[in-house]
Amino acid sequence: MKRLVSLAVVVLSLAAAAPASAGEPVTFAYSQIGLLVHLPWSVAIGQKYFEEQGLEPKGFNFESGGKSVAAVIGGSADFSANALEHAIKAKVQGKDLVYVFSSTRLPGWGLAVSTAHRNEIKTVADLKGKTVGVSGIGVASHVLLHHMLVKAGVDPKEVKIVAVGLSTLPPALEGGKILAGMAGEPYFSRMLAKGTAFSLGNMSTLKETVAILGGEYAFSGAITRPDVIQKNPHVVQKVVTALVKASHFIQTHTLEQIAAAVPQDMVGERAQFIETLRNTKETFTPNGLVTQNAVDTLVKVLGEFGVFKPGQKVDIASTYDMSFVRKAMKDLRIE
């Protein structure tokens, strides 16, 4: 646990608070829990769905997906709020992780360009020779930017790609440190609403995501280790059931009700949060299941990025298991 605490940016008191009647302990590693792609986790925390399942959750918030998934690999956490991409990359490196729940069917990211350069930058191809920000080198935002550049006929080596973080990307763009950047939600929508940036591709809508990536894209969800599944399958089921219930809540309630269901320190300015939800509602899976099309699209994009070694055969099917989601749907009577 010492390792987990040393890596953690913030301990989430809401997630870590023990319920009145202590349940079975479980530890979560979040990667920027305030990102909208983690909304099912936020709803489950706010509505105490984990406690409802008889669990005593303890959650730690990390500054990046790499650090949160490292906590799971190292055994400091049982589950992490991470993208399927991390389980696939781990498999390439000879480590086993399993994606047991899918929060989203779209990336929930957008390519934002400073409005000061609107006359100069009209297409992705115009980014050649420019400085473009990503949350980190080699992570999801970098992978997505790489695909967009290649699709536009631009050699990514001809673009200066720099790591500027997630929450720190807007000030980097607004301050002129970068000309454009891959921004996650809610930061992408906030910059557009402020008028400090315009979009060259919004992957929070199905239509634009299909146009950019060719299909749905498996992204955020819940990841654990095979030994957790083998030793404590009932805990895995409880965690997944809580998240499936949260996903169903998102699909069946109004934007205002969703905002009210999330811990208020994760909402921020309420009206702005609701408007961002309105723009990104298509991002989320209706029930927690990942589709084969979404997995195929992800594997294609990761291949373009050079994740797989030449001639390497990777058992992609072993990196995700939707059986817990299906049981949760049956138990909750969700179609």
C-alpha atoms as a PDB file:
ATOM      1  CA  MET A   1       0.000   0.000   0.000  1.00  0.00           C
ATOM      2  CA  LYS A   2       2.948   2.313   0.650  1.00  0.00           C
ATOM      3  CA  ARG A   3       3.771   2.274  -3.069  1.00  0.00           C
ATOM      4  CA  LEU A   4       0.207   3.211  -3.988  1.00  0.00           C
ATOM      5  CA  VAL A   5       0.086   6.120  -1.587  1.00  0.00           C
ATOM      6  CA  SER A   6       3.450   7.407  -2.814  1.00  0.00           C
ATOM      7  CA  LEU A   7       2.193   7.494  -6.405  1.00  0.00           C
ATOM      8  CA  ALA A   8      -1.213   8.926  -5.625  1.00  0.00           C
ATOM      9  CA  VAL A   9      -1.982  12.531  -6.375  1.00  0.00           C
ATOM     10  CA  VAL A  10      -5.114  12.753  -4.257  1.00  0.00           C
ATOM     11  CA  VAL A  11      -6.871  10.307  -1.970  1.00  0.00           C
ATOM     12  CA  LEU A  12     -10.559  10.423  -2.774  1.00  0.00           C
ATOM     13  CA  SER A  13     -12.279  10.747   0.566  1.00  0.00           C
ATOM     14  CA  LEU A  14     -15.674  10.034  -0.944  1.00  0.00           C
ATOM     15  CA  ALA A  15     -14.523   6.716  -2.345  1.00  0.00           C
ATOM     16  CA  ALA A  16     -12.354   5.889   0.622  1.00  0.00           C
ATOM     17  CA  ALA A  17     -14.880   6.575   3.349  1.00  0.00           C
ATOM     18  CA  ALA A  18     -15.934   3.412   5.145  1.00  0.00           C
ATOM     19  CA  PRO A  19     -19.674   2.722   5.083  1.00  0.00           C
ATOM     20  CA  ALA A  20     -21.629   2.450   8.324  1.00  0.00           C
ATOM     21  CA  SER A  21     -21.426  -1.342   8.100  1.00  0.00           C
ATOM     22  CA  ALA A  22     -17.978  -2.194   6.715  1.00  0.00           C
ATOM     23  CA  GLY A  23     -18.082  -4.487   3.708  1.00  0.00           C
ATOM     24  CA  GLU A  24     -15.431  -6.436   1.852  1.00  0.00           C
ATOM     25  CA  PRO A  25     -12.441  -4.152   1.147  1.00  0.00           C
ATOM     26  CA  VAL A  26     -11.496  -3.350  -2.447  1.00  0.00           C
ATOM     27  CA  THR A  27      -8.962  -0.822  -3.737  1.00  0.00           C
ATOM     28  CA  PHE A  28      -9.409   1.263  -6.883  1.00  0.00           C
ATOM     29  CA  ALA A  29      -6.767   3.229  -8.794  1.00  0.00           C
ATOM     30  CA  TYR A  30      -8.314   6.047 -10.798  1.00  0.00           C
ATOM     31  CA  SER A  31      -6.621   7.908 -13.637  1.00  0.00           C
ATOM     32  CA  GLN A  32      -7.859  11.500 -13.426  1.00  0.00           C
ATOM     33  CA  ILE A  33     -11.284  10.549 -12.029  1.00  0.00           C
ATOM     34  CA  GLY A  34     -12.658  13.932 -13.114  1.00  0.00           C
ATOM     35  CA  LEU A  35     -12.341  12.995 -16.799  1.00  0.00           C
ATOM     36  CA  LEU A  36     -15.765  12.450 -18.293  1.00  0.00           C
ATOM     37  CA  VAL A  37     -14.835   9.031 -19.725  1.00  0.00           C
ATOM     38  CA  HIS A  38     -14.886   7.800 -16.115  1.00  0.00           C
ATOM     39  CA  LEU A  39     -18.482   8.961 -15.575  1.00  0.00           C
ATOM     40  CA  PRO A  40     -19.833   5.483 -14.628  1.00  0.00           C
ATOM     41  CA  TRP A  41     -17.247   5.352 -11.829  1.00  0.00           C
ATOM     42  CA  SER A  42     -18.267   8.844 -10.665  1.00  0.00           C
ATOM     43  CA  VAL A  43     -21.954   7.885 -10.592  1.00  0.00           C
ATOM     44  CA  ALA A  44     -21.200   4.615  -8.791  1.00  0.00           C
ATOM     45  CA  ILE A  45     -19.198   6.530  -6.169  1.00  0.00           C
ATOM     46  CA  GLY A  46     -21.838   9.221  -5.756  1.00  0.00           C
ATOM     47  CA  GLN A  47     -24.726   6.760  -5.504  1.00  0.00           C
ATOM     48  CA  LYS A  48     -22.752   4.362  -3.268  1.00  0.00           C
ATOM     49  CA  TYR A  49     -23.346   1.449  -5.635  1.00  0.00           C
ATOM     50  CA  PHE A  50     -20.133  -0.249  -4.462  1.00  0.00           C
ATOM     51  CA  GLU A  51     -21.321  -0.154  -0.843  1.00  0.00           C
ATOM     52  CA  GLU A  52     -24.704  -1.386  -2.001  1.00  0.00           C
ATOM     53  CA  GLN A  53     -22.907  -4.458  -3.348  1.00  0.00           C
ATOM     54  CA  GLY A  54     -21.350  -5.123   0.054  1.00  0.00           C
ATOM     55  CA  LEU A  55     -17.945  -3.612  -0.716  1.00  0.00           C
ATOM     56  CA  GLU A  56     -15.800  -1.176   1.231  1.00  0.00           C
ATOM     57  CA  PRO A  57     -14.068   0.828  -1.535  1.00  0.00           C
ATOM     58  CA  LYS A  58     -10.855   2.755  -1.137  1.00  0.00           C
ATOM     59  CA  GLY A  59      -9.887   4.904  -4.097  1.00  0.00           C
ATOM     60  CA  PHE A  60      -6.725   6.740  -5.125  1.00  0.00           C
ATOM     61  CA  ASN A  61      -6.558   9.289  -7.924  1.00  0.00           C
ATOM     62  CA  PHE A  62      -3.465   9.306 -10.154  1.00  0.00           C
ATOM     63  CA  GLU A  63      -2.243  11.914 -12.601  1.00  0.00           C
ATOM     64  CA  SER A  64      -2.054   9.454 -15.502  1.00  0.00           C
ATOM     65  CA  GLY A  65      -3.389   6.155 -16.780  1.00  0.00           C
ATOM     66  CA  GLY A  66       0.115   4.714 -16.799  1.00  0.00           C
ATOM     67  CA  LYS A  67       0.502   5.249 -13.057  1.00  0.00           C
ATOM     68  CA  SER A  68      -2.946   3.916 -12.153  1.00  0.00           C
ATOM     69  CA  VAL A  69      -2.486   0.741 -14.191  1.00  0.00           C
ATOM     70  CA  ALA A  70       0.987   0.322 -12.658  1.00  0.00           C
ATOM     71  CA  ALA A  71      -0.690   0.170  -9.253  1.00  0.00           C
ATOM     72  CA  VAL A  72      -2.789  -2.775 -10.467  1.00  0.00           C
ATOM     73  CA  ILE A  73       0.177  -4.542 -12.051  1.00  0.00           C
ATOM     74  CA  GLY A  74       2.192  -4.063  -8.872  1.00  0.00           C
ATOM     75  CA  GLY A  75      -0.604  -5.359  -6.651  1.00  0.00           C
ATOM     76  CA  SER A  76      -1.264  -2.101  -4.784  1.00  0.00           C
ATOM     77  CA  ALA A  77      -4.754  -1.844  -6.278  1.00  0.00           C
ATOM     78  CA  ASP A  78      -7.318  -4.446  -7.271  1.00  0.00           C
ATOM     79  CA  PHE A  79      -8.906  -2.490 -10.118  1.00  0.00           C
ATOM     80  CA  SER A  80      -8.123   0.601 -12.163  1.00  0.00           C
ATOM     81  CA  ALA A  81     -10.228   2.978 -14.224  1.00  0.00           C
ATOM     82  CA  ASN A  82      -8.276   2.539 -17.440  1.00  0.00           C
ATOM     83  CA  ALA A  83      -8.616   1.990 -21.162  1.00  0.00           C
ATOM     84  CA  LEU A  84      -8.479  -1.421 -22.852  1.00  0.00           C
ATOM     85  CA  GLU A  85      -5.361  -0.094 -24.566  1.00  0.00           C
ATOM     86  CA  HIS A  86      -3.440  -0.609 -21.299  1.00  0.00           C
ATOM     87  CA  ALA A  87      -4.364  -4.298 -21.098  1.00  0.00           C
ATOM     88  CA  ILE A  88      -3.263  -4.816 -24.710  1.00  0.00           C
ATOM     89  CA  LYS A  89       0.030  -2.964 -24.205  1.00  0.00           C
ATOM     90  CA  ALA A  90       0.657  -5.022 -21.050  1.00  0.00           C
ATOM     91  CA  LYS A  91       0.058  -8.212 -23.041  1.00  0.00           C
ATOM     92  CA  VAL A  92       2.622  -7.119 -25.622  1.00  0.00           C
ATOM     93  CA  GLN A  93       5.099  -6.773 -22.753  1.00  0.00           C
ATOM     94  CA  GLY A  94       4.279 -10.224 -21.371  1.00  0.00           C
ATOM     95  CA  LYS A  95       2.037  -9.053 -18.527  1.00  0.00           C
ATOM     96  CA  ASP A  96      -1.580 -10.087 -18.085  1.00  0.00           C
ATOM     97  CA  LEU A  97      -4.410  -7.658 -17.353  1.00  0.00           C
ATOM     98  CA  VAL A  98      -8.113  -8.073 -18.047  1.00  0.00           C
ATOM     99  CA  TYR A  99     -10.627  -5.391 -19.047  1.00  0.00           C
ATOM    100  CA  VAL A 100     -13.874  -6.481 -17.355  1.00  0.00           C
ATOM    101  CA  PHE A 101     -16.177  -3.504 -18.009  1.00  0.00           C
ATOM    102  CA  SER A 102     -16.410  -0.868 -20.728  1.00  0.00           C
ATOM    103  CA  SER A 103     -17.391   2.685 -19.761  1.00  0.00           C
ATOM    104  CA  THR A 104     -17.189   4.124 -23.264  1.00  0.00           C
ATOM    105  CA  ARG A 105     -17.541   3.216 -26.923  1.00  0.00           C
ATOM    106  CA  LEU A 106     -15.845   6.402 -28.155  1.00  0.00           C
ATOM    107  CA  PRO A 107     -12.543   8.001 -27.091  1.00  0.00           C
ATOM    108  CA  GLY A 108     -14.046  11.180 -25.647  1.00  0.00           C
ATOM    109  CA  TRP A 109     -11.138  13.275 -26.974  1.00  0.00           C
ATOM    110  CA  GLY A 110     -10.903  16.098 -29.487  1.00  0.00           C
ATOM    111  CA  LEU A 111      -8.225  17.858 -31.505  1.00  0.00           C
ATOM    112  CA  ALA A 112      -8.405  21.494 -30.441  1.00  0.00           C
ATOM    113  CA  VAL A 113      -6.673  24.365 -32.243  1.00  0.00           C
ATOM    114  CA  SER A 114      -6.088  27.843 -30.857  1.00  0.00           C
ATOM    115  CA  THR A 115      -8.554  30.317 -32.337  1.00  0.00           C
ATOM    116  CA  ALA A 116      -5.620  32.692 -32.803  1.00  0.00           C
ATOM    117  CA  HIS A 117      -4.541  30.407 -35.647  1.00  0.00           C
ATOM    118  CA  ARG A 118      -7.929  29.872 -37.284  1.00  0.00           C
ATOM    119  CA  ASN A 119      -6.855  31.454 -40.566  1.00  0.00           C
ATOM    120  CA  GLU A 120      -3.602  29.475 -40.625  1.00  0.00           C
ATOM    121  CA  ILE A 121      -4.870  26.020 -39.601  1.00  0.00           C
ATOM    122  CA  LYS A 122      -7.890  24.786 -41.516  1.00  0.00           C
ATOM    123  CA  THR A 123      -7.216  21.030 -41.729  1.00  0.00           C
ATOM    124  CA  VAL A 124      -5.181  18.419 -39.860  1.00  0.00           C
ATOM    125  CA  ALA A 125      -2.672  18.522 -42.737  1.00  0.00           C
ATOM    126  CA  ASP A 126      -1.910  22.134 -41.823  1.00  0.00           C
ATOM    127  CA  LEU A 127      -0.346  20.948 -38.539  1.00  0.00           C
ATOM    128  CA  LYS A 128       2.802  19.910 -40.390  1.00  0.00           C
ATOM    129  CA  GLY A 129       5.750  21.679 -38.787  1.00  0.00           C
ATOM    130  CA  LYS A 130       3.663  22.927 -35.858  1.00  0.00           C
ATOM    131  CA  THR A 131       3.806  22.218 -32.106  1.00  0.00           C
ATOM    132  CA  VAL A 132       0.941  20.007 -30.927  1.00  0.00           C
ATOM    133  CA  GLY A 133       0.290  18.917 -27.359  1.00  0.00           C
ATOM    134  CA  VAL A 134      -0.725  15.521 -25.976  1.00  0.00           C
ATOM    135  CA  SER A 135      -1.279  14.450 -22.380  1.00  0.00           C
ATOM    136  CA  GLY A 136       1.828  12.248 -22.505  1.00  0.00           C
ATOM    137  CA  ILE A 137       4.133  10.609 -25.018  1.00  0.00           C
ATOM    138  CA  GLY A 138       2.967   7.140 -26.022  1.00  0.00           C
ATOM    139  CA  VAL A 139      -0.393   7.385 -24.258  1.00  0.00           C
ATOM    140  CA  ALA A 140      -3.926   7.348 -25.694  1.00  0.00           C
ATOM    141  CA  SER A 141      -3.985  10.999 -26.786  1.00  0.00           C
ATOM    142  CA  HIS A 142      -0.682  10.528 -28.627  1.00  0.00           C
ATOM    143  CA  VAL A 143      -1.967   7.353 -30.306  1.00  0.00           C
ATOM    144  CA  LEU A 144      -5.109   9.149 -31.507  1.00  0.00           C
ATOM    145  CA  LEU A 145      -3.165  12.182 -32.766  1.00  0.00           C
ATOM    146  CA  HIS A 146      -0.767   9.880 -34.630  1.00  0.00           C
ATOM    147  CA  HIS A 147      -3.700   8.258 -36.433  1.00  0.00           C
ATOM    148  CA  MET A 148      -5.239  11.607 -37.380  1.00  0.00           C
ATOM    149  CA  LEU A 149      -1.937  12.869 -38.785  1.00  0.00           C
ATOM    150  CA  VAL A 150      -1.293   9.718 -40.813  1.00  0.00           C
ATOM    151  CA  LYS A 151      -4.868   9.775 -42.119  1.00  0.00           C
ATOM    152  CA  ALA A 152      -4.299  13.376 -43.265  1.00  0.00           C
ATOM    153  CA  GLY A 153      -1.096  12.383 -45.076  1.00  0.00           C
ATOM    154  CA  VAL A 154       1.245  13.964 -42.524  1.00  0.00           C
ATOM    155  CA  ASP A 155       4.327  12.151 -41.268  1.00  0.00           C
ATOM    156  CA  PRO A 156       4.044  12.440 -37.431  1.00  0.00           C
ATOM    157  CA  LYS A 157       7.809  13.028 -37.341  1.00  0.00           C
ATOM    158  CA  GLU A 158       7.173  16.325 -39.138  1.00  0.00           C
ATOM    159  CA  VAL A 159       5.062  17.559 -36.212  1.00  0.00           C
ATOM    160  CA  LYS A 160       6.583  18.651 -32.901  1.00  0.00           C
ATOM    161  CA  ILE A 161       4.569  16.589 -30.424  1.00  0.00           C
ATOM    162  CA  VAL A 162       5.036  17.595 -26.785  1.00  0.00           C
ATOM    163  CA  ALA A 163       3.609  16.285 -23.508  1.00  0.00           C
ATOM    164  CA  VAL A 164       1.658  18.958 -21.634  1.00  0.00           C
ATOM    165  CA  GLY A 165      -0.627  16.945 -19.348  1.00  0.00           C
ATOM    166  CA  LEU A 166      -4.414  16.754 -19.181  1.00  0.00           C
ATOM    167  CA  SER A 167      -5.747  19.600 -17.045  1.00  0.00           C
ATOM    168  CA  THR A 168      -2.727  21.692 -18.020  1.00  0.00           C
ATOM    169  CA  LEU A 169      -3.359  21.436 -21.775  1.00  0.00           C
ATOM    170  CA  PRO A 170      -5.868  24.336 -21.947  1.00  0.00           C
ATOM    171  CA  PRO A 171      -3.490  26.885 -20.378  1.00  0.00           C
ATOM    172  CA  ALA A 172      -0.677  25.567 -22.588  1.00  0.00           C
ATOM    173  CA  LEU A 173      -2.802  26.184 -25.677  1.00  0.00           C
ATOM    174  CA  GLU A 174      -4.242  29.487 -24.480  1.00  0.00           C
ATOM    175  CA  GLY A 175      -0.778  30.685 -23.447  1.00  0.00           C
ATOM    176  CA  GLY A 176       0.739  29.908 -26.842  1.00  0.00           C
ATOM    177  CA  LYS A 177       3.016  27.085 -25.679  1.00  0.00           C
ATOM    178  CA  ILE A 178       1.276  24.831 -28.213  1.00  0.00           C
ATOM    179  CA  LEU A 179      -0.714  25.684 -31.306  1.00  0.00           C
ATOM    180  CA  ALA A 180      -3.055  22.686 -31.040  1.00  0.00           C
ATOM    181  CA  GLY A 181      -3.609  19.718 -28.759  1.00  0.00           C
ATOM    182  CA  MET A 182      -5.507  16.517 -28.069  1.00  0.00           C
ATOM    183  CA  ALA A 183      -7.850  17.370 -25.221  1.00  0.00           C
ATOM    184  CA  GLY A 184      -9.966  15.035 -23.137  1.00  0.00           C
ATOM    185  CA  GLU A 185     -13.406  15.927 -21.862  1.00  0.00           C
ATOM    186  CA  PRO A 186     -14.457  18.099 -20.129  1.00  0.00           C
ATOM    187  CA  TYR A 187     -11.446  20.251 -21.157  1.00  0.00           C
ATOM    188  CA  PHE A 188     -12.159  20.019 -24.890  1.00  0.00           C
ATOM    189  CA  SER A 189     -15.747  21.270 -24.608  1.00  0.00           C
ATOM    190  CA  ARG A 190     -14.765  23.981 -22.135  1.00  0.00           C
ATOM    191  CA  MET A 191     -12.193  25.475 -24.529  1.00  0.00           C
ATOM    192  CA  LEU A 192     -14.690  25.446 -27.380  1.00  0.00           C
ATOM    193  CA  ALA A 193     -17.342  27.064 -25.170  1.00  0.00           C
ATOM    194  CA  LYS A 194     -14.888  29.776 -24.097  1.00  0.00           C
ATOM    195  CA  GLY A 195     -13.987  30.417 -27.703  1.00  0.00           C
ATOM    196  CA  THR A 196     -10.266  29.912 -27.097  1.00  0.00           C
ATOM    197  CA  ALA A 197     -10.166  26.887 -29.420  1.00  0.00           C
ATOM    198  CA  PHE A 198     -11.966  25.316 -32.346  1.00  0.00           C
ATOM    199  CA  SER A 199     -12.277  21.660 -33.309  1.00  0.00           C
ATOM    200  CA  LEU A 200     -10.482  19.689 -36.022  1.00  0.00           C
ATOM    201  CA  GLY A 201     -12.100  16.456 -34.872  1.00  0.00           C
ATOM    202  CA  ASN A 202     -14.466  15.633 -32.017  1.00  0.00           C
ATOM    203  CA  MET A 203     -14.302  11.994 -30.932  1.00  0.00           C
ATOM    204  CA  SER A 204     -17.142  12.354 -28.433  1.00  0.00           C
ATOM    205  CA  THR A 205     -19.721  11.973 -31.207  1.00  0.00           C
ATOM    206  CA  LEU A 206     -20.358   8.745 -33.072  1.00  0.00           C
ATOM    207  CA  LYS A 207     -20.527  10.369 -36.519  1.00  0.00           C
ATOM    208  CA  GLU A 208     -17.150  12.117 -36.239  1.00  0.00           C
ATOM    209  CA  THR A 209     -15.481   9.159 -34.535  1.00  0.00           C
ATOM    210  CA  VAL A 210     -16.541   6.831 -37.342  1.00  0.00           C
ATOM    211  CA  ALA A 211     -15.299   9.367 -39.909  1.00  0.00           C
ATOM    212  CA  ILE A 212     -11.931   9.693 -38.144  1.00  0.00           C
ATOM    213  CA  LEU A 213     -11.307   6.171 -36.853  1.00  0.00           C
ATOM    214  CA  GLY A 214     -13.585   4.026 -39.003  1.00  0.00           C
ATOM    215  CA  GLY A 215     -15.793   2.713 -36.215  1.00  0.00           C
ATOM    216  CA  GLU A 216     -16.473   2.659 -32.501  1.00  0.00           C
ATOM    217  CA  TYR A 217     -13.331   2.689 -30.330  1.00  0.00           C
ATOM    218  CA  ALA A 218     -12.924   0.678 -27.125  1.00  0.00           C
ATOM    219  CA  PHE A 219     -11.625   3.029 -24.495  1.00  0.00           C
ATOM    220  CA  SER A 220     -12.155   3.592 -20.776  1.00  0.00           C
ATOM    221  CA  GLY A 221     -13.444   0.929 -18.394  1.00  0.00           C
ATOM    222  CA  ALA A 222     -12.329  -1.294 -15.515  1.00  0.00           C
ATOM    223  CA  ILE A 223      -9.130  -3.345 -15.520  1.00  0.00           C
ATOM    224  CA  THR A 224      -7.967  -5.998 -13.055  1.00  0.00           C
ATOM    225  CA  ARG A 225      -5.465  -8.854 -12.824  1.00  0.00           C
ATOM    226  CA  PRO A 226      -6.180 -12.507 -13.650  1.00  0.00           C
ATOM    227  CA  ASP A 227      -5.312 -13.538 -10.074  1.00  0.00           C
ATOM    228  CA  VAL A 228      -8.032 -11.219  -8.719  1.00  0.00           C
ATOM    229  CA  ILE A 229     -10.531 -12.904 -11.028  1.00  0.00           C
ATOM    230  CA  GLN A 230      -9.341 -16.376 -10.000  1.00  0.00           C
ATOM    231  CA  LYS A 231      -9.222 -15.742  -6.242  1.00  0.00           C
ATOM    232  CA  ASN A 232     -12.153 -13.366  -5.805  1.00  0.00           C
ATOM    233  CA  PRO A 233     -14.581 -13.689  -8.724  1.00  0.00           C
ATOM    234  CA  HIS A 234     -17.434 -12.574  -6.450  1.00  0.00           C
ATOM    235  CA  VAL A 235     -15.635  -9.257  -5.801  1.00  0.00           C
ATOM    236  CA  VAL A 236     -15.115  -8.753  -9.538  1.00  0.00           C
ATOM    237  CA  GLN A 237     -18.806  -9.406 -10.066  1.00  0.00           C
ATOM    238  CA  LYS A 238     -19.806  -6.884  -7.391  1.00  0.00           C
ATOM    239  CA  VAL A 239     -17.554  -4.187  -8.828  1.00  0.00           C
ATOM    240  CA  VAL A 240     -18.830  -4.782 -12.366  1.00  0.00           C
ATOM    241  CA  THR A 241     -22.463  -4.920 -11.245  1.00  0.00           C
ATOM    242  CA  ALA A 242     -22.079  -1.523  -9.551  1.00  0.00           C
ATOM    243  CA  LEU A 243     -20.563  -0.047 -12.724  1.00  0.00           C
ATOM    244  CA  VAL A 244     -23.205  -1.603 -15.003  1.00  0.00           C
ATOM    245  CA  LYS A 245     -25.897  -0.133 -12.764  1.00  0.00           C
ATOM    246  CA  ALA A 246     -24.179   3.257 -13.056  1.00  0.00           C
ATOM    247  CA  SER A 247     -24.031   2.953 -16.855  1.00  0.00           C
ATOM    248  CA  HIS A 248     -27.728   2.141 -16.933  1.00  0.00           C
ATOM    249  CA  PHE A 249     -28.400   5.182 -14.737  1.00  0.00           C
ATOM    250  CA  ILE A 250     -26.569   7.390 -17.247  1.00  0.00           C
ATOM    251  CA  GLN A 251     -28.670   6.013 -20.112  1.00  0.00           C
ATOM    252  CA  THR A 252     -32.028   6.312 -18.346  1.00  0.00           C
ATOM    253  CA  HIS A 253     -31.820   9.630 -16.487  1.00  0.00           C
ATOM    254  CA  THR A 254     -31.792  13.286 -17.464  1.00  0.00           C
ATOM    255  CA  LEU A 255     -28.605  15.309 -17.689  1.00  0.00           C
ATOM    256  CA  GLU A 256     -29.641  17.180 -14.549  1.00  0.00           C
ATOM    257  CA  GLN A 257     -30.198  13.924 -12.656  1.00  0.00           C
ATOM    258  CA  ILE A 258     -26.807  12.595 -13.774  1.00  0.00           C
ATOM    259  CA  ALA A 259     -25.091  15.776 -12.575  1.00  0.00           C
ATOM    260  CA  ALA A 260     -26.852  15.432  -9.228  1.00  0.00           C
ATOM    261  CA  ALA A 261     -25.741  11.794  -8.945  1.00  0.00           C
ATOM    262  CA  VAL A 262     -22.026  12.618  -9.229  1.00  0.00           C
ATOM    263  CA  PRO A 263     -20.082  13.841  -6.153  1.00  0.00           C
ATOM    264  CA  GLN A 264     -20.229  17.598  -6.403  1.00  0.00           C
ATOM    265  CA  ASP A 265     -16.478  18.100  -6.174  1.00  0.00           C
ATOM    266  CA  MET A 266     -16.241  16.187  -9.449  1.00  0.00           C
ATOM    267  CA  VAL A 267     -18.905  18.344 -11.116  1.00  0.00           C
ATOM    268  CA  GLY A 268     -17.442  21.809 -10.745  1.00  0.00           C
ATOM    269  CA  GLU A 269     -19.606  24.460 -12.373  1.00  0.00           C
ATOM    270  CA  ARG A 270     -22.954  22.668 -12.685  1.00  0.00           C
ATOM    271  CA  ALA A 271     -24.333  24.362 -15.825  1.00  0.00           C
ATOM    272  CA  GLN A 272     -21.067  23.812 -17.670  1.00  0.00           C
ATOM    273  CA  PHE A 273     -20.951  20.159 -16.566  1.00  0.00           C
ATOM    274  CA  ILE A 274     -24.488  19.579 -17.854  1.00  0.00           C
ATOM    275  CA  GLU A 275     -23.685  21.206 -21.192  1.00  0.00           C
ATOM    276  CA  THR A 276     -20.591  19.027 -21.576  1.00  0.00           C
ATOM    277  CA  LEU A 277     -22.732  15.967 -20.823  1.00  0.00           C
ATOM    278  CA  ARG A 278     -25.145  17.079 -23.529  1.00  0.00           C
ATOM    279  CA  ASN A 279     -22.317  17.215 -26.072  1.00  0.00           C
ATOM    280  CA  THR A 280     -20.777  13.877 -25.083  1.00  0.00           C
ATOM    281  CA  LYS A 281     -23.703  11.582 -24.217  1.00  0.00           C
ATOM    282  CA  GLU A 282     -22.907   9.306 -27.182  1.00  0.00           C
ATOM    283  CA  THR A 283     -19.514   8.511 -25.678  1.00  0.00           C
ATOM    284  CA  PHE A 284     -20.845   6.031 -23.121  1.00  0.00           C
ATOM    285  CA  THR A 285     -21.745   2.377 -23.564  1.00  0.00           C
ATOM    286  CA  PRO A 286     -25.411   1.661 -22.860  1.00  0.00           C
ATOM    287  CA  ASN A 287     -24.676  -1.359 -20.658  1.00  0.00           C
ATOM    288  CA  GLY A 288     -20.945  -1.829 -20.100  1.00  0.00           C
ATOM    289  CA  LEU A 289     -20.333  -4.230 -22.970  1.00  0.00           C
ATOM    290  CA  VAL A 290     -17.503  -3.690 -25.427  1.00  0.00           C
ATOM    291  CA  THR A 291     -18.298  -4.441 -29.079  1.00  0.00           C
ATOM    292  CA  GLN A 292     -16.051  -6.373 -31.453  1.00  0.00           C
ATOM    293  CA  ASN A 293     -16.055  -3.405 -33.815  1.00  0.00           C
ATOM    294  CA  ALA A 294     -14.741  -1.160 -31.031  1.00  0.00           C
ATOM    295  CA  VAL A 295     -11.955  -3.638 -30.220  1.00  0.00           C
ATOM    296  CA  ASP A 296     -11.029  -4.057 -33.885  1.00  0.00           C
ATOM    297  CA  THR A 297     -10.759  -0.298 -34.372  1.00  0.00           C
ATOM    298  CA  LEU A 298      -8.527   0.038 -31.315  1.00  0.00           C
ATOM    299  CA  VAL A 299      -6.225  -2.781 -32.449  1.00  0.00           C
ATOM    300  CA  LYS A 300      -5.927  -1.184 -35.914  1.00  0.00           C
ATOM    301  CA  VAL A 301      -4.974   2.208 -34.472  1.00  0.00           C
ATOM    302  CA  LEU A 302      -2.497   0.670 -31.997  1.00  0.00           C
ATOM    303  CA  GLY A 303      -0.937  -1.233 -34.900  1.00  0.00           C
ATOM    304  CA  GLU A 304      -0.429   2.004 -36.818  1.00  0.00           C
ATOM    305  CA  PHE A 305       1.306   3.440 -33.765  1.00  0.00           C
ATOM    306  CA  GLY A 306       3.770   0.546 -33.661  1.00  0.00           C
ATOM    307  CA  VAL A 307       2.568  -1.076 -30.445  1.00  0.00           C
ATOM    308  CA  PHE A 308       2.967  -4.582 -31.874  1.00  0.00           C
ATOM    309  CA  LYS A 309       6.392  -5.963 -32.701  1.00  0.00           C
ATOM    310  CA  PRO A 310       6.917  -7.215 -36.284  1.00  0.00           C
ATOM    311  CA  GLY A 311       5.505 -10.719 -36.604  1.00  0.00           C
ATOM    312  CA  GLN A 312       4.255 -10.715 -33.015  1.00  0.00           C
ATOM    313  CA  LYS A 313       1.004 -12.565 -32.379  1.00  0.00           C
ATOM    314  CA  VAL A 314      -0.995 -11.076 -29.521  1.00  0.00           C
ATOM    315  CA  ASP A 315      -3.999 -12.863 -28.029  1.00  0.00           C
ATOM    316  CA  ILE A 316      -6.275  -9.823 -27.953  1.00  0.00           C
ATOM    317  CA  ALA A 317      -9.281 -11.890 -26.823  1.00  0.00           C
ATOM    318  CA  SER A 318      -7.523 -12.703 -23.551  1.00  0.00           C
ATOM    319  CA  THR A 319      -7.267  -8.992 -22.652  1.00  0.00           C
ATOM    320  CA  TYR A 320     -10.990  -8.541 -22.066  1.00  0.00           C
ATOM    321  CA  ASP A 321     -13.798 -10.579 -20.467  1.00  0.00           C
ATOM    322  CA  MET A 322     -17.399  -9.426 -20.696  1.00  0.00           C
ATOM    323  CA  SER A 323     -18.922 -12.377 -18.770  1.00  0.00           C
ATOM    324  CA  PHE A 324     -19.236 -10.305 -15.583  1.00  0.00           C
ATOM    325  CA  VAL A 325     -21.082  -7.558 -17.467  1.00  0.00           C
ATOM    326  CA  ARG A 326     -23.485 -10.083 -18.973  1.00  0.00           C
ATOM    327  CA  LYS A 327     -24.263 -11.567 -15.558  1.00  0.00           C
ATOM    328  CA  ALA A 328     -24.764  -8.089 -14.121  1.00  0.00           C
ATOM    329  CA  MET A 329     -27.179  -7.249 -16.941  1.00  0.00           C
ATOM    330  CA  LYS A 330     -29.117 -10.426 -16.203  1.00  0.00           C
ATOM    331  CA  ASP A 331     -29.201  -9.801 -12.450  1.00  0.00           C
ATOM    332  CA  LEU A 332     -30.229  -6.167 -12.923  1.00  0.00           C
ATOM    333  CA  ARG A 333     -32.667  -7.113 -15.694  1.00  0.00           C
ATOM    334  CA  ILE A 334     -31.023  -4.785 -18.176  1.00  0.00           C
ATOM    335  CA  GLU A 335     -31.248  -5.580 -21.871  1.00  0.00           C
END
